[in-house]
Amino acid sequence: MTADATSPAPLPGLRESKKQETRQLISDVATGLFLTQGFERTTIAEIAAAARVAKKTVTNYFPHKEDLALDSQDAFTASLADTVTGRRAGESALSALRRAFADAAADADPVAGFSGPDFARMIADSPTLTTRLRDLHDLRETALADALADATGTPRGDITPRTAAALLGAVHRTLFQRIQELTLAGQDNARIRATVATEADSAFALLEPSLADYATA
C-alpha cells in the first residue's frame, strides 16, 4: 500500500524516544556539573554516576567529553553553509548571512554566541573547550567554503570560495567572540543585542565591495 503523501510523518518509536531522552538527560546532568565545578575538574565517571547510567553509556552517546558541553556543535558547524544553501532568490551569500545573523541576534540564539554568563565563563576558563571552539569555527568555515563552491559551480577547494568563506567566517567568529566578551562583562542580552546589531552592520559592510554580488541565487 502506498502511504498518503499528506499523512503526518510517523512519530519516533519507543526505543528511539528512549534513546533521545537518555541523551538529553546525560547532557543536562553534565552541563549542571560543568557549571558547578568546572569542565576540567568534572570526570565522565561523575557524570555517569549523577545520571545513573554506565560510564560506557555516556561515551556511547558522547564520544568526547567536549561533546557533552558543546552539544549543539553540529548545528553550529552547519549554520553558515545551511544559510547559503537556503538563501532566497536574488539574494547573495553575504546578504543571506547578514540577514541570518540579524535574526539570530534578535532571538539571542546560542549558536550566535548567546550562551549566558555561566556557560560563557565555563568555556573561557577551560583550555580544552576554548581549543575545541576554535576547531568548530574552522569546521564551520570549511563547510561554508564547500557550500559557496557548490552555489557558484566552482570545484570544492578552489581558492575563491575558500577566500570568501574565510572573510565571511572571520566576521561571524569576531561577532561570536564579541557576544561572549559582552556576556562576561555582565551585560544582559537586550544590551548585547543593541550593541552587536550596530557592530554587525559595520563588520558586514566591510565585505560589500568584494562580496556584495557573490554567490547570488
C-alpha atoms as a PDB file:
ATOM      1  CA  MET A   1       0.000   0.000   0.000  1.00  0.00           C
ATOM      2  CA  THR A   2       1.271   3.459  -0.869  1.00  0.00           C
ATOM      3  CA  ALA A   3       1.336   5.935   2.002  1.00  0.00           C
ATOM      4  CA  ASP A   4      -0.757   9.074   1.639  1.00  0.00           C
ATOM      5  CA  ALA A   5       1.579  11.948   0.782  1.00  0.00           C
ATOM      6  CA  THR A   6      -0.430  14.183   3.086  1.00  0.00           C
ATOM      7  CA  SER A   7      -0.125  11.884   6.094  1.00  0.00           C
ATOM      8  CA  PRO A   8       1.925  13.212   9.011  1.00  0.00           C
ATOM      9  CA  ALA A   9       5.419  11.852   9.494  1.00  0.00           C
ATOM     10  CA  PRO A  10       5.467   8.830  11.802  1.00  0.00           C
ATOM     11  CA  LEU A  11       6.344   9.524  15.413  1.00  0.00           C
ATOM     12  CA  PRO A  12       9.653   8.158  16.727  1.00  0.00           C
ATOM     13  CA  GLY A  13       9.410   4.636  18.039  1.00  0.00           C
ATOM     14  CA  LEU A  14       9.565   3.902  21.745  1.00  0.00           C
ATOM     15  CA  ARG A  15      13.179   2.775  21.524  1.00  0.00           C
ATOM     16  CA  GLU A  16      14.260   5.897  19.648  1.00  0.00           C
ATOM     17  CA  SER A  17      12.348   8.139  22.060  1.00  0.00           C
ATOM     18  CA  LYS A  18      14.058   6.429  24.983  1.00  0.00           C
ATOM     19  CA  LYS A  19      17.466   6.994  23.376  1.00  0.00           C
ATOM     20  CA  GLN A  20      16.703  10.669  22.873  1.00  0.00           C
ATOM     21  CA  GLU A  21      15.562  11.017  26.488  1.00  0.00           C
ATOM     22  CA  THR A  22      18.699   9.308  27.769  1.00  0.00           C
ATOM     23  CA  ARG A  23      20.937  11.507  25.626  1.00  0.00           C
ATOM     24  CA  GLN A  24      19.201  14.656  26.845  1.00  0.00           C
ATOM     25  CA  LEU A  25      19.392  13.505  30.452  1.00  0.00           C
ATOM     26  CA  ILE A  26      23.130  12.886  30.220  1.00  0.00           C
ATOM     27  CA  SER A  27      23.668  16.251  28.518  1.00  0.00           C
ATOM     28  CA  ASP A  28      21.644  18.118  31.151  1.00  0.00           C
ATOM     29  CA  VAL A  29      23.396  16.399  34.049  1.00  0.00           C
ATOM     30  CA  ALA A  30      26.828  17.032  32.520  1.00  0.00           C
ATOM     31  CA  THR A  31      26.075  20.703  31.928  1.00  0.00           C
ATOM     32  CA  GLY A  32      24.975  21.105  35.525  1.00  0.00           C
ATOM     33  CA  LEU A  33      28.187  19.556  36.808  1.00  0.00           C
ATOM     34  CA  PHE A  34      30.344  21.578  34.439  1.00  0.00           C
ATOM     35  CA  LEU A  35      28.732  24.816  35.567  1.00  0.00           C
ATOM     36  CA  THR A  36      29.048  23.883  39.231  1.00  0.00           C
ATOM     37  CA  GLN A  37      32.583  22.571  39.394  1.00  0.00           C
ATOM     38  CA  GLY A  38      34.165  23.426  36.042  1.00  0.00           C
ATOM     39  CA  PHE A  39      34.678  21.433  32.872  1.00  0.00           C
ATOM     40  CA  GLU A  40      38.248  20.353  33.532  1.00  0.00           C
ATOM     41  CA  ARG A  41      37.517  19.089  37.058  1.00  0.00           C
ATOM     42  CA  THR A  42      34.453  17.062  36.109  1.00  0.00           C
ATOM     43  CA  THR A  43      35.004  13.435  35.114  1.00  0.00           C
ATOM     44  CA  ILE A  44      32.976  11.134  32.889  1.00  0.00           C
ATOM     45  CA  ALA A  45      32.582   8.794  35.870  1.00  0.00           C
ATOM     46  CA  GLU A  46      30.976  11.587  37.899  1.00  0.00           C
ATOM     47  CA  ILE A  47      28.596  12.376  35.071  1.00  0.00           C
ATOM     48  CA  ALA A  48      27.615   8.724  34.699  1.00  0.00           C
ATOM     49  CA  ALA A  49      27.005   8.385  38.425  1.00  0.00           C
ATOM     50  CA  ALA A  50      24.908  11.544  38.594  1.00  0.00           C
ATOM     51  CA  ALA A  51      22.855  10.469  35.560  1.00  0.00           C
ATOM     52  CA  ARG A  52      22.554   6.923  36.936  1.00  0.00           C
ATOM     53  CA  VAL A  53      23.889   5.312  33.789  1.00  0.00           C
ATOM     54  CA  ALA A  54      27.001   3.306  32.990  1.00  0.00           C
ATOM     55  CA  LYS A  55      30.157   5.181  32.040  1.00  0.00           C
ATOM     56  CA  LYS A  56      30.091   3.359  28.701  1.00  0.00           C
ATOM     57  CA  THR A  57      26.588   4.690  28.077  1.00  0.00           C
ATOM     58  CA  VAL A  58      27.902   8.247  28.409  1.00  0.00           C
ATOM     59  CA  THR A  59      30.725   7.634  25.946  1.00  0.00           C
ATOM     60  CA  ASN A  60      28.404   5.847  23.525  1.00  0.00           C
ATOM     61  CA  TYR A  61      26.282   8.969  23.252  1.00  0.00           C
ATOM     62  CA  PHE A  62      29.164  11.445  23.599  1.00  0.00           C
ATOM     63  CA  PRO A  63      32.500  10.012  22.391  1.00  0.00           C
ATOM     64  CA  HIS A  64      34.437  13.034  23.636  1.00  0.00           C
ATOM     65  CA  LYS A  65      33.994  14.936  26.862  1.00  0.00           C
ATOM     66  CA  GLU A  66      33.808  18.220  24.933  1.00  0.00           C
ATOM     67  CA  ASP A  67      30.725  16.876  23.119  1.00  0.00           C
ATOM     68  CA  LEU A  68      28.857  16.965  26.428  1.00  0.00           C
ATOM     69  CA  ALA A  69      29.458  20.672  26.875  1.00  0.00           C
ATOM     70  CA  LEU A  70      29.094  21.701  23.222  1.00  0.00           C
ATOM     71  CA  ASP A  71      26.165  19.502  22.284  1.00  0.00           C
ATOM     72  CA  SER A  72      24.909  21.945  19.629  1.00  0.00           C
ATOM     73  CA  GLN A  73      28.143  21.704  17.672  1.00  0.00           C
ATOM     74  CA  ASP A  74      26.560  20.016  14.635  1.00  0.00           C
ATOM     75  CA  ALA A  75      24.065  22.872  14.259  1.00  0.00           C
ATOM     76  CA  PHE A  76      26.888  25.364  14.784  1.00  0.00           C
ATOM     77  CA  THR A  77      29.226  23.969  12.147  1.00  0.00           C
ATOM     78  CA  ALA A  78      26.417  23.649   9.584  1.00  0.00           C
ATOM     79  CA  SER A  79      24.784  27.021  10.268  1.00  0.00           C
ATOM     80  CA  LEU A  80      26.559  29.222   7.714  1.00  0.00           C
ATOM     81  CA  ALA A  81      26.523  26.615   4.963  1.00  0.00           C
ATOM     82  CA  ASP A  82      22.820  25.979   5.538  1.00  0.00           C
ATOM     83  CA  THR A  83      22.116  29.704   5.279  1.00  0.00           C
ATOM     84  CA  VAL A  84      23.876  29.911   1.929  1.00  0.00           C
ATOM     85  CA  THR A  85      22.167  26.794   0.609  1.00  0.00           C
ATOM     86  CA  GLY A  86      18.766  28.130   1.655  1.00  0.00           C
ATOM     87  CA  ARG A  87      19.255  31.731   0.541  1.00  0.00           C
ATOM     88  CA  ARG A  88      16.375  33.473  -1.194  1.00  0.00           C
ATOM     89  CA  ALA A  89      16.080  34.027  -4.940  1.00  0.00           C
ATOM     90  CA  GLY A  90      18.196  37.015  -5.934  1.00  0.00           C
ATOM     91  CA  GLU A  91      19.975  37.043  -2.575  1.00  0.00           C
ATOM     92  CA  SER A  92      23.768  36.907  -2.373  1.00  0.00           C
ATOM     93  CA  ALA A  93      25.622  34.816   0.173  1.00  0.00           C
ATOM     94  CA  LEU A  94      26.641  37.974   2.031  1.00  0.00           C
ATOM     95  CA  SER A  95      23.082  39.283   2.185  1.00  0.00           C
ATOM     96  CA  ALA A  96      21.739  35.921   3.355  1.00  0.00           C
ATOM     97  CA  LEU A  97      24.356  35.556   6.069  1.00  0.00           C
ATOM     98  CA  ARG A  98      23.887  39.140   7.199  1.00  0.00           C
ATOM     99  CA  ARG A  99      20.126  38.648   7.460  1.00  0.00           C
ATOM    100  CA  ALA A 100      20.506  35.324   9.257  1.00  0.00           C
ATOM    101  CA  PHE A 101      22.882  36.801  11.807  1.00  0.00           C
ATOM    102  CA  ALA A 102      20.498  39.693  12.499  1.00  0.00           C
ATOM    103  CA  ASP A 103      17.691  37.186  13.092  1.00  0.00           C
ATOM    104  CA  ALA A 104      19.877  35.034  15.338  1.00  0.00           C
ATOM    105  CA  ALA A 105      20.969  38.052  17.375  1.00  0.00           C
ATOM    106  CA  ALA A 106      17.370  39.230  17.757  1.00  0.00           C
ATOM    107  CA  ASP A 107      16.461  35.766  19.069  1.00  0.00           C
ATOM    108  CA  ALA A 108      19.552  35.596  21.338  1.00  0.00           C
ATOM    109  CA  ASP A 109      20.409  32.317  19.631  1.00  0.00           C
ATOM    110  CA  PRO A 110      23.127  30.299  21.434  1.00  0.00           C
ATOM    111  CA  VAL A 111      24.578  29.342  18.030  1.00  0.00           C
ATOM    112  CA  ALA A 112      25.365  33.045  17.505  1.00  0.00           C
ATOM    113  CA  GLY A 113      27.110  33.221  20.880  1.00  0.00           C
ATOM    114  CA  PHE A 114      24.335  33.995  23.368  1.00  0.00           C
ATOM    115  CA  SER A 115      25.185  31.327  25.919  1.00  0.00           C
ATOM    116  CA  GLY A 116      24.579  33.141  29.203  1.00  0.00           C
ATOM    117  CA  PRO A 117      27.240  34.259  31.702  1.00  0.00           C
ATOM    118  CA  ASP A 118      27.740  30.925  33.470  1.00  0.00           C
ATOM    119  CA  PHE A 119      28.237  28.982  30.260  1.00  0.00           C
ATOM    120  CA  ALA A 120      30.469  31.673  28.759  1.00  0.00           C
ATOM    121  CA  ARG A 121      32.631  31.622  31.873  1.00  0.00           C
ATOM    122  CA  MET A 122      32.834  27.825  31.783  1.00  0.00           C
ATOM    123  CA  ILE A 123      34.211  27.974  28.238  1.00  0.00           C
ATOM    124  CA  ALA A 124      36.578  30.847  28.976  1.00  0.00           C
ATOM    125  CA  ASP A 125      38.002  29.005  31.996  1.00  0.00           C
ATOM    126  CA  SER A 126      38.584  25.754  30.096  1.00  0.00           C
ATOM    127  CA  PRO A 127      41.588  25.450  27.758  1.00  0.00           C
ATOM    128  CA  THR A 128      40.039  22.294  26.333  1.00  0.00           C
ATOM    129  CA  LEU A 129      36.733  23.945  25.426  1.00  0.00           C
ATOM    130  CA  THR A 130      38.431  27.091  24.137  1.00  0.00           C
ATOM    131  CA  THR A 131      40.527  24.973  21.776  1.00  0.00           C
ATOM    132  CA  ARG A 132      37.513  22.927  20.698  1.00  0.00           C
ATOM    133  CA  LEU A 133      35.527  26.076  19.974  1.00  0.00           C
ATOM    134  CA  ARG A 134      38.301  27.304  17.684  1.00  0.00           C
ATOM    135  CA  ASP A 135      38.171  23.960  15.887  1.00  0.00           C
ATOM    136  CA  LEU A 136      34.397  24.307  15.442  1.00  0.00           C
ATOM    137  CA  HIS A 137      34.819  27.758  13.916  1.00  0.00           C
ATOM    138  CA  ASP A 138      37.315  26.237  11.465  1.00  0.00           C
ATOM    139  CA  LEU A 139      34.950  23.387  10.616  1.00  0.00           C
ATOM    140  CA  ARG A 140      32.119  25.862  10.083  1.00  0.00           C
ATOM    141  CA  GLU A 141      34.289  27.863   7.699  1.00  0.00           C
ATOM    142  CA  THR A 142      35.212  24.733   5.737  1.00  0.00           C
ATOM    143  CA  ALA A 143      31.544  23.769   5.407  1.00  0.00           C
ATOM    144  CA  LEU A 144      30.772  27.297   4.244  1.00  0.00           C
ATOM    145  CA  ALA A 145      33.524  27.125   1.617  1.00  0.00           C
ATOM    146  CA  ASP A 146      32.023  23.919   0.236  1.00  0.00           C
ATOM    147  CA  ALA A 147      28.549  25.485   0.134  1.00  0.00           C
ATOM    148  CA  LEU A 148      29.886  28.548  -1.685  1.00  0.00           C
ATOM    149  CA  ALA A 149      31.699  26.347  -4.186  1.00  0.00           C
ATOM    150  CA  ASP A 150      28.516  24.418  -4.881  1.00  0.00           C
ATOM    151  CA  ALA A 151      26.498  27.636  -5.123  1.00  0.00           C
ATOM    152  CA  THR A 152      28.841  29.110  -7.729  1.00  0.00           C
ATOM    153  CA  GLY A 153      29.573  25.939  -9.680  1.00  0.00           C
ATOM    154  CA  THR A 154      33.190  26.067  -8.590  1.00  0.00           C
ATOM    155  CA  PRO A 155      35.241  22.987  -7.666  1.00  0.00           C
ATOM    156  CA  ARG A 156      35.488  22.439  -3.932  1.00  0.00           C
ATOM    157  CA  GLY A 157      38.907  23.513  -2.743  1.00  0.00           C
ATOM    158  CA  ASP A 158      39.125  26.343  -5.265  1.00  0.00           C
ATOM    159  CA  ILE A 159      40.747  29.453  -3.819  1.00  0.00           C
ATOM    160  CA  THR A 160      37.798  31.799  -4.483  1.00  0.00           C
ATOM    161  CA  PRO A 161      35.129  30.121  -2.314  1.00  0.00           C
ATOM    162  CA  ARG A 162      37.768  29.356   0.294  1.00  0.00           C
ATOM    163  CA  THR A 163      38.760  33.017   0.457  1.00  0.00           C
ATOM    164  CA  ALA A 164      35.144  34.188   0.557  1.00  0.00           C
ATOM    165  CA  ALA A 165      34.416  31.704   3.340  1.00  0.00           C
ATOM    166  CA  ALA A 166      37.459  32.901   5.277  1.00  0.00           C
ATOM    167  CA  LEU A 167      36.234  36.501   5.096  1.00  0.00           C
ATOM    168  CA  LEU A 168      32.649  35.674   5.991  1.00  0.00           C
ATOM    169  CA  GLY A 169      33.731  33.240   8.667  1.00  0.00           C
ATOM    170  CA  ALA A 170      36.010  35.844  10.227  1.00  0.00           C
ATOM    171  CA  VAL A 171      33.110  38.256  10.645  1.00  0.00           C
ATOM    172  CA  HIS A 172      30.979  35.589  12.314  1.00  0.00           C
ATOM    173  CA  ARG A 173      33.865  34.467  14.508  1.00  0.00           C
ATOM    174  CA  THR A 174      34.528  38.053  15.592  1.00  0.00           C
ATOM    175  CA  LEU A 175      30.869  38.705  16.368  1.00  0.00           C
ATOM    176  CA  PHE A 176      30.610  35.436  18.312  1.00  0.00           C
ATOM    177  CA  GLN A 177      33.621  36.416  20.392  1.00  0.00           C
ATOM    178  CA  ARG A 178      32.195  39.904  20.878  1.00  0.00           C
ATOM    179  CA  ILE A 179      28.942  38.489  22.253  1.00  0.00           C
ATOM    180  CA  GLN A 180      30.912  36.282  24.624  1.00  0.00           C
ATOM    181  CA  GLU A 181      33.016  39.246  25.787  1.00  0.00           C
ATOM    182  CA  LEU A 182      29.962  41.388  26.491  1.00  0.00           C
ATOM    183  CA  THR A 183      28.296  38.489  28.281  1.00  0.00           C
ATOM    184  CA  LEU A 184      31.319  38.020  30.536  1.00  0.00           C
ATOM    185  CA  ALA A 185      31.346  41.762  31.158  1.00  0.00           C
ATOM    186  CA  GLY A 186      27.930  41.403  32.763  1.00  0.00           C
ATOM    187  CA  GLN A 187      25.721  42.880  30.055  1.00  0.00           C
ATOM    188  CA  ASP A 188      22.240  41.440  29.593  1.00  0.00           C
ATOM    189  CA  ASN A 189      21.011  40.105  26.261  1.00  0.00           C
ATOM    190  CA  ALA A 190      18.982  43.203  25.412  1.00  0.00           C
ATOM    191  CA  ARG A 191      22.015  45.438  25.709  1.00  0.00           C
ATOM    192  CA  ILE A 192      24.236  42.970  23.874  1.00  0.00           C
ATOM    193  CA  ARG A 193      21.746  42.728  21.005  1.00  0.00           C
ATOM    194  CA  ALA A 194      21.693  46.508  20.627  1.00  0.00           C
ATOM    195  CA  THR A 195      25.481  46.747  20.622  1.00  0.00           C
ATOM    196  CA  VAL A 196      26.073  43.827  18.292  1.00  0.00           C
ATOM    197  CA  ALA A 197      23.402  44.908  15.819  1.00  0.00           C
ATOM    198  CA  THR A 198      25.323  48.111  15.154  1.00  0.00           C
ATOM    199  CA  GLU A 199      28.710  46.412  15.126  1.00  0.00           C
ATOM    200  CA  ALA A 200      27.468  43.667  12.799  1.00  0.00           C
ATOM    201  CA  ASP A 201      26.307  46.256  10.283  1.00  0.00           C
ATOM    202  CA  SER A 202      29.783  47.776  10.262  1.00  0.00           C
ATOM    203  CA  ALA A 203      31.523  44.412  10.033  1.00  0.00           C
ATOM    204  CA  PHE A 204      29.420  43.062   7.168  1.00  0.00           C
ATOM    205  CA  ALA A 205      29.647  46.396   5.335  1.00  0.00           C
ATOM    206  CA  LEU A 206      33.408  45.925   5.094  1.00  0.00           C
ATOM    207  CA  LEU A 207      32.800  42.916   2.838  1.00  0.00           C
ATOM    208  CA  GLU A 208      30.338  44.581   0.468  1.00  0.00           C
ATOM    209  CA  PRO A 209      32.917  45.941  -2.024  1.00  0.00           C
ATOM    210  CA  SER A 210      34.134  42.424  -2.800  1.00  0.00           C
ATOM    211  CA  LEU A 211      31.234  40.107  -1.956  1.00  0.00           C
ATOM    212  CA  ALA A 212      28.013  42.099  -2.479  1.00  0.00           C
ATOM    213  CA  ASP A 213      27.074  40.083  -5.598  1.00  0.00           C
ATOM    214  CA  TYR A 214      28.998  36.884  -4.905  1.00  0.00           C
ATOM    215  CA  ALA A 215      27.034  33.617  -4.975  1.00  0.00           C
ATOM    216  CA  THR A 216      23.715  35.277  -5.795  1.00  0.00           C
ATOM    217  CA  ALA A 217      20.886  32.773  -6.073  1.00  0.00           C
END
